[in-house]
Amino acid sequence: MAGLLFSIPLSKRTFTAIPQTPYTAFMWAIYALLAAVFAAATSILAKIGLDGVNSNLGTAIRTAVVLVMAWVIVLATGVQRGIPQIAPKSWLFLVLSGLATGASWLFFFRALQMGPASKVVPIDKASVVITMLMALIFLGETMDAKTIVAGLLITTGTILLVL
């Protein structure tokens, strides 16, 4: 898999962004904040829900709910018509992303079942810093001094929360 990732030259990668309008210029931050709120709720709800339930079974139930919810939204908005236009490369990376998501959820639920949410969640959110590093390596994104300092602060905060 690493060979596959490294075989795609950075200079040939292009990502289609949503056109910038007064609406989209700040809405991404609102969506990101909502994602954080729901992620926090997910952790607490999962911790309570996993009481007496095998973590793999809990993950499967959660995944089934997410699957149904996602397809209801796709079908309700009519975007399923775009499926035939999805390029093979996009299919590959969406499938790989799905596998990574599944692995993340399995490990997260097991950790959440075994440990306190107040310690498991900060470690899980270390994915922020790992994502920053992977974006630098695999996507060619740049990091300025502010981003590097923020990443170090997040890492330090995570360590302090877990100790």
Protein backbone atom coordinates (compact mmCIF):
# COMPACT_ATOMS: atom_id res chain seq x y z
CA MET A 1 0.00 0.00 0.00
CA ALA A 2 2.86 2.40 0.78
CA GLY A 3 4.19 1.79 -2.73
CA LEU A 4 0.80 2.75 -4.13
CA LEU A 5 0.75 5.98 -2.13
CA PHE A 6 4.27 6.89 -3.09
CA SER A 7 3.72 6.00 -6.75
CA ILE A 8 1.30 8.90 -7.21
CA PRO A 9 3.42 11.99 -7.82
CA LEU A 10 2.57 14.94 -5.59
CA SER A 11 2.59 17.37 -8.50
CA LYS A 12 -0.14 15.42 -10.33
CA ARG A 13 -2.57 15.44 -7.41
CA THR A 14 -5.38 17.89 -7.76
CA PHE A 15 -8.36 18.21 -5.52
CA THR A 16 -11.64 19.72 -6.54
CA ALA A 17 -12.66 22.32 -4.02
CA ILE A 18 -16.08 23.83 -3.55
CA PRO A 19 -16.08 27.27 -5.19
CA GLN A 20 -15.52 30.08 -2.69
CA THR A 21 -18.57 32.22 -2.12
CA PRO A 22 -19.46 34.41 0.86
CA TYR A 23 -21.38 31.37 2.17
CA THR A 24 -18.61 28.77 1.75
CA ALA A 25 -15.85 31.11 2.92
CA PHE A 26 -16.75 30.47 6.56
CA MET A 27 -19.19 27.56 6.51
CA TRP A 28 -16.40 25.00 6.49
CA ALA A 29 -15.47 26.12 10.02
CA ILE A 30 -19.08 25.79 11.22
CA TYR A 31 -19.29 22.28 9.72
CA ALA A 32 -15.97 21.37 11.36
CA LEU A 33 -17.20 22.65 14.74
CA LEU A 34 -20.43 20.64 14.37
CA ALA A 35 -18.32 17.58 13.48
CA ALA A 36 -16.32 18.08 16.69
CA VAL A 37 -19.48 18.40 18.79
CA PHE A 38 -20.97 15.24 17.29
CA ALA A 39 -17.64 13.40 17.65
CA ALA A 40 -17.64 14.29 21.35
CA ALA A 41 -21.24 13.10 21.70
CA THR A 42 -20.32 9.91 19.84
CA SER A 43 -17.58 9.11 22.34
CA ILE A 44 -19.80 9.58 25.38
CA LEU A 45 -22.77 7.75 23.83
CA ALA A 46 -20.50 4.88 22.75
CA LYS A 47 -18.90 4.60 26.19
CA ILE A 48 -22.35 4.26 27.77
CA GLY A 49 -23.62 1.96 24.99
CA LEU A 50 -20.65 -0.41 25.22
CA ASP A 51 -21.49 -1.35 28.80
CA GLY A 52 -21.82 -5.14 28.65
CA VAL A 53 -21.49 -5.24 24.83
CA ASN A 54 -18.57 -6.69 22.86
CA SER A 55 -16.68 -3.78 21.27
CA ASN A 56 -16.67 -5.41 17.82
CA LEU A 57 -20.43 -5.91 17.97
CA GLY A 58 -20.85 -2.31 19.11
CA THR A 59 -18.76 -1.14 16.16
CA ALA A 60 -20.87 -3.20 13.76
CA ILE A 61 -24.10 -1.72 15.13
CA ARG A 62 -22.70 1.81 14.92
CA THR A 63 -21.48 1.16 11.36
CA ALA A 64 -24.88 -0.15 10.27
CA VAL A 65 -26.53 3.01 11.59
CA VAL A 66 -23.98 5.22 9.81
CA LEU A 67 -24.44 3.24 6.59
CA VAL A 68 -28.23 3.64 6.62
CA MET A 69 -27.98 7.32 7.54
CA ALA A 70 -25.46 8.05 4.76
CA TRP A 71 -27.54 6.29 2.08
CA VAL A 72 -30.73 8.03 3.20
CA ILE A 73 -28.96 11.38 2.71
CA VAL A 74 -27.52 10.32 -0.67
CA LEU A 75 -30.89 9.10 -1.93
CA ALA A 76 -32.79 12.08 -0.52
CA THR A 77 -30.47 14.52 -2.30
CA GLY A 78 -30.28 12.51 -5.55
CA VAL A 79 -26.49 12.45 -5.70
CA GLN A 80 -26.44 8.68 -6.29
CA ARG A 81 -26.67 9.56 -10.00
CA GLY A 82 -22.99 10.52 -9.81
CA ILE A 83 -21.82 6.98 -8.97
CA PRO A 84 -21.00 6.02 -12.60
CA GLN A 85 -18.75 9.09 -12.93
CA ILE A 86 -16.51 8.15 -10.00
CA ALA A 87 -13.00 7.51 -11.31
CA PRO A 88 -11.20 4.22 -10.47
CA LYS A 89 -8.58 6.13 -8.46
CA SER A 90 -11.34 7.73 -6.38
CA TRP A 91 -12.96 4.32 -5.82
CA LEU A 92 -9.63 2.90 -4.66
CA PHE A 93 -8.94 5.68 -2.18
CA LEU A 94 -12.54 5.79 -0.91
CA VAL A 95 -12.36 2.03 -0.25
CA LEU A 96 -8.98 2.42 1.47
CA SER A 97 -10.44 5.28 3.52
CA GLY A 98 -13.36 3.05 4.49
CA LEU A 99 -10.97 0.32 5.62
CA ALA A 100 -8.99 2.85 7.65
CA THR A 101 -12.22 4.16 9.18
CA GLY A 102 -13.27 0.64 10.12
CA ALA A 103 -9.92 -0.07 11.73
CA SER A 104 -10.02 3.25 13.59
CA TRP A 105 -13.52 2.55 14.91
CA LEU A 106 -12.65 -1.00 15.98
CA PHE A 107 -9.57 0.16 17.89
CA PHE A 108 -11.39 3.20 19.31
CA PHE A 109 -14.34 1.17 20.60
CA ARG A 110 -12.02 -1.42 22.15
CA ALA A 111 -9.96 1.31 23.84
CA LEU A 112 -13.13 3.08 24.97
CA GLN A 113 -14.49 -0.13 26.43
CA MET A 114 -11.27 -0.74 28.35
CA GLY A 115 -10.29 2.78 29.42
CA PRO A 116 -11.74 6.07 30.60
CA ALA A 117 -13.23 8.26 27.86
CA SER A 118 -11.35 11.25 29.27
CA LYS A 119 -8.06 9.55 28.36
CA VAL A 120 -9.02 7.49 25.30
CA VAL A 121 -10.52 10.40 23.36
CA PRO A 122 -7.48 12.74 23.61
CA ILE A 123 -5.23 9.93 22.36
CA ASP A 124 -7.67 9.27 19.51
CA LYS A 125 -7.64 12.99 18.68
CA ALA A 126 -3.87 12.81 18.29
CA SER A 127 -5.00 11.94 14.78
CA VAL A 128 -5.03 15.72 14.24
CA VAL A 129 -1.24 15.87 14.45
CA ILE A 130 -0.80 12.60 12.57
CA THR A 131 -3.05 13.97 9.81
CA MET A 132 -0.97 17.13 9.65
CA LEU A 133 2.19 15.06 9.17
CA MET A 134 0.56 12.76 6.61
CA ALA A 135 -0.78 15.79 4.69
CA LEU A 136 2.77 17.14 4.56
CA ILE A 137 4.24 13.82 3.38
CA PHE A 138 1.53 12.45 1.08
CA LEU A 139 -0.33 15.54 -0.12
CA GLY A 140 2.52 18.01 -0.29
CA GLU A 141 0.77 20.48 1.99
CA THR A 142 2.98 23.05 3.65
CA MET A 143 3.36 23.89 7.31
CA ASP A 144 4.26 27.33 8.56
CA ALA A 145 5.74 28.06 11.98
CA LYS A 146 2.26 28.65 13.47
CA THR A 147 1.08 25.22 12.32
CA ILE A 148 4.18 23.49 13.68
CA VAL A 149 3.80 25.23 17.07
CA ALA A 150 0.09 24.35 17.16
CA GLY A 151 0.90 20.70 16.40
CA LEU A 152 3.46 20.64 19.21
CA LEU A 153 0.94 22.23 21.59
CA ILE A 154 -1.71 19.65 20.66
CA THR A 155 0.81 16.87 21.24
CA THR A 156 1.87 18.34 24.57
CA GLY A 157 -1.76 18.80 25.62
CA THR A 158 -2.55 15.20 24.71
CA ILE A 159 0.35 13.91 26.81
CA LEU A 160 -0.68 16.08 29.77
CA LEU A 161 -4.30 14.88 29.54
CA VAL A 162 -3.27 11.24 29.52
CA LEU A 163 -0.70 11.34 32.33
